[in-house]
Amino acid sequence: MPSPGEVTQLLMSWREGDRQALDRLVPLVYDELRGLARHYMRREREGHTLQTTALVNEAYLRLVGQERVHWQNRAHFYGLAAQMMRRTASWKGMQ
């Protein structure tokens, strides 16, 4: 498990335009993002077709597309990821 400082440092580097920082960040946070996704998927109605991996991928695509986010720290990153997962799960559940 990466240290909070390591994740925060990579977020800061990514914010500064270091694309390689994003490449190093993703493997470090992936397991925790999957844990968040499992948590949110357990709350969805039975028969929901969205898979945990798909929810992580949707959140990832939205996170890397954020150009105006001024990442503050690791908690900010996971908070935004959680918000995106909740919105995606709710939206996909309505289809």
Protein backbone atom coordinates (compact mmCIF):
# COMPACT_ATOMS: atom_id res chain seq x y z
CA MET A 1 0.00 0.00 0.00
CA PRO A 2 1.47 3.36 -0.96
CA SER A 3 2.00 6.01 1.64
CA PRO A 4 -0.42 8.96 1.62
CA GLY A 5 2.55 11.23 0.99
CA GLU A 6 3.59 9.26 -2.09
CA VAL A 7 0.12 9.50 -3.62
CA THR A 8 -0.10 13.19 -2.79
CA GLN A 9 3.32 13.86 -4.35
CA LEU A 10 2.32 12.07 -7.55
CA LEU A 11 -0.93 14.07 -7.66
CA MET A 12 1.03 17.30 -7.31
CA SER A 13 3.42 16.25 -10.09
CA TRP A 14 0.49 15.29 -12.31
CA ARG A 15 -1.15 18.65 -11.60
CA GLU A 16 2.08 20.33 -12.69
CA GLY A 17 1.87 18.53 -16.04
CA ASP A 18 4.04 15.46 -15.42
CA ARG A 19 2.21 12.80 -17.43
CA GLN A 20 4.54 10.09 -16.11
CA ALA A 21 3.31 10.84 -12.60
CA LEU A 22 -0.16 9.73 -13.69
CA ASP A 23 1.32 6.52 -15.09
CA ARG A 24 2.97 5.83 -11.71
CA LEU A 25 -0.12 6.87 -9.75
CA VAL A 26 -2.67 4.55 -11.34
CA PRO A 27 -1.17 1.23 -10.19
CA LEU A 28 -0.79 2.65 -6.68
CA VAL A 29 -4.44 3.65 -6.31
CA TYR A 30 -6.17 0.97 -8.39
CA ASP A 31 -6.85 -1.49 -5.55
CA GLU A 32 -8.33 1.21 -3.35
CA LEU A 33 -10.52 2.43 -6.23
CA ARG A 34 -11.76 -1.15 -6.73
CA GLY A 35 -12.61 -1.29 -3.03
CA LEU A 36 -14.64 1.89 -3.34
CA ALA A 37 -16.39 0.51 -6.42
CA ARG A 38 -17.27 -2.75 -4.63
CA HIS A 39 -18.73 -0.71 -1.78
CA TYR A 40 -20.95 1.31 -4.09
CA MET A 41 -22.00 -1.67 -6.18
CA ARG A 42 -23.23 -3.53 -3.07
CA ARG A 43 -25.69 -0.67 -2.55
CA GLU A 44 -27.20 -0.96 -6.03
CA ARG A 45 -30.38 -2.82 -6.82
CA GLU A 46 -30.22 -6.51 -7.66
CA GLY A 47 -29.77 -7.24 -11.33
CA HIS A 48 -27.68 -4.12 -11.86
CA THR A 49 -25.54 -4.74 -14.95
CA LEU A 50 -22.65 -2.41 -14.18
CA GLN A 51 -19.56 -4.35 -13.08
CA THR A 52 -17.06 -3.19 -10.47
CA THR A 53 -14.23 -2.99 -13.00
CA ALA A 54 -16.37 -0.95 -15.37
CA LEU A 55 -17.18 1.48 -12.55
CA VAL A 56 -13.46 1.89 -11.76
CA ASN A 57 -12.73 2.45 -15.45
CA GLU A 58 -15.48 5.06 -15.77
CA ALA A 59 -14.16 6.91 -12.73
CA TYR A 60 -10.59 6.68 -14.05
CA LEU A 61 -11.56 8.16 -17.41
CA ARG A 62 -13.35 11.03 -15.70
CA LEU A 63 -10.49 11.64 -13.27
CA VAL A 64 -7.81 11.82 -15.95
CA GLY A 65 -10.05 14.12 -17.96
CA GLN A 66 -10.12 16.66 -15.15
CA GLU A 67 -8.00 19.57 -16.29
CA ARG A 68 -9.25 22.18 -13.85
CA VAL A 69 -8.89 20.20 -10.63
CA HIS A 70 -6.25 21.60 -8.33
CA TRP A 71 -5.43 18.39 -6.49
CA GLN A 72 -4.89 19.11 -2.83
CA ASN A 73 -3.97 15.68 -1.51
CA ARG A 74 -4.76 11.99 -1.50
CA ALA A 75 -8.07 12.48 0.35
CA HIS A 76 -9.23 15.02 -2.26
CA PHE A 77 -8.45 12.52 -5.04
CA TYR A 78 -10.34 9.66 -3.39
CA GLY A 79 -13.22 11.93 -2.48
CA LEU A 80 -13.65 13.01 -6.08
CA ALA A 81 -13.26 9.41 -7.28
CA ALA A 82 -15.97 8.29 -4.84
CA GLN A 83 -18.29 11.07 -5.99
CA MET A 84 -17.79 10.07 -9.62
CA MET A 85 -18.48 6.42 -8.83
CA ARG A 86 -21.69 7.25 -6.96
CA ARG A 87 -22.92 9.38 -9.84
CA THR A 88 -21.98 6.77 -12.44
CA ALA A 89 -23.57 3.90 -10.51
CA SER A 90 -26.76 5.91 -9.98
CA TRP A 91 -26.91 7.04 -13.59
CA LYS A 92 -26.23 3.58 -15.01
CA GLY A 93 -28.80 2.11 -12.62
CA MET A 94 -31.52 4.31 -14.13
CA GLN A 95 -30.97 2.93 -17.62
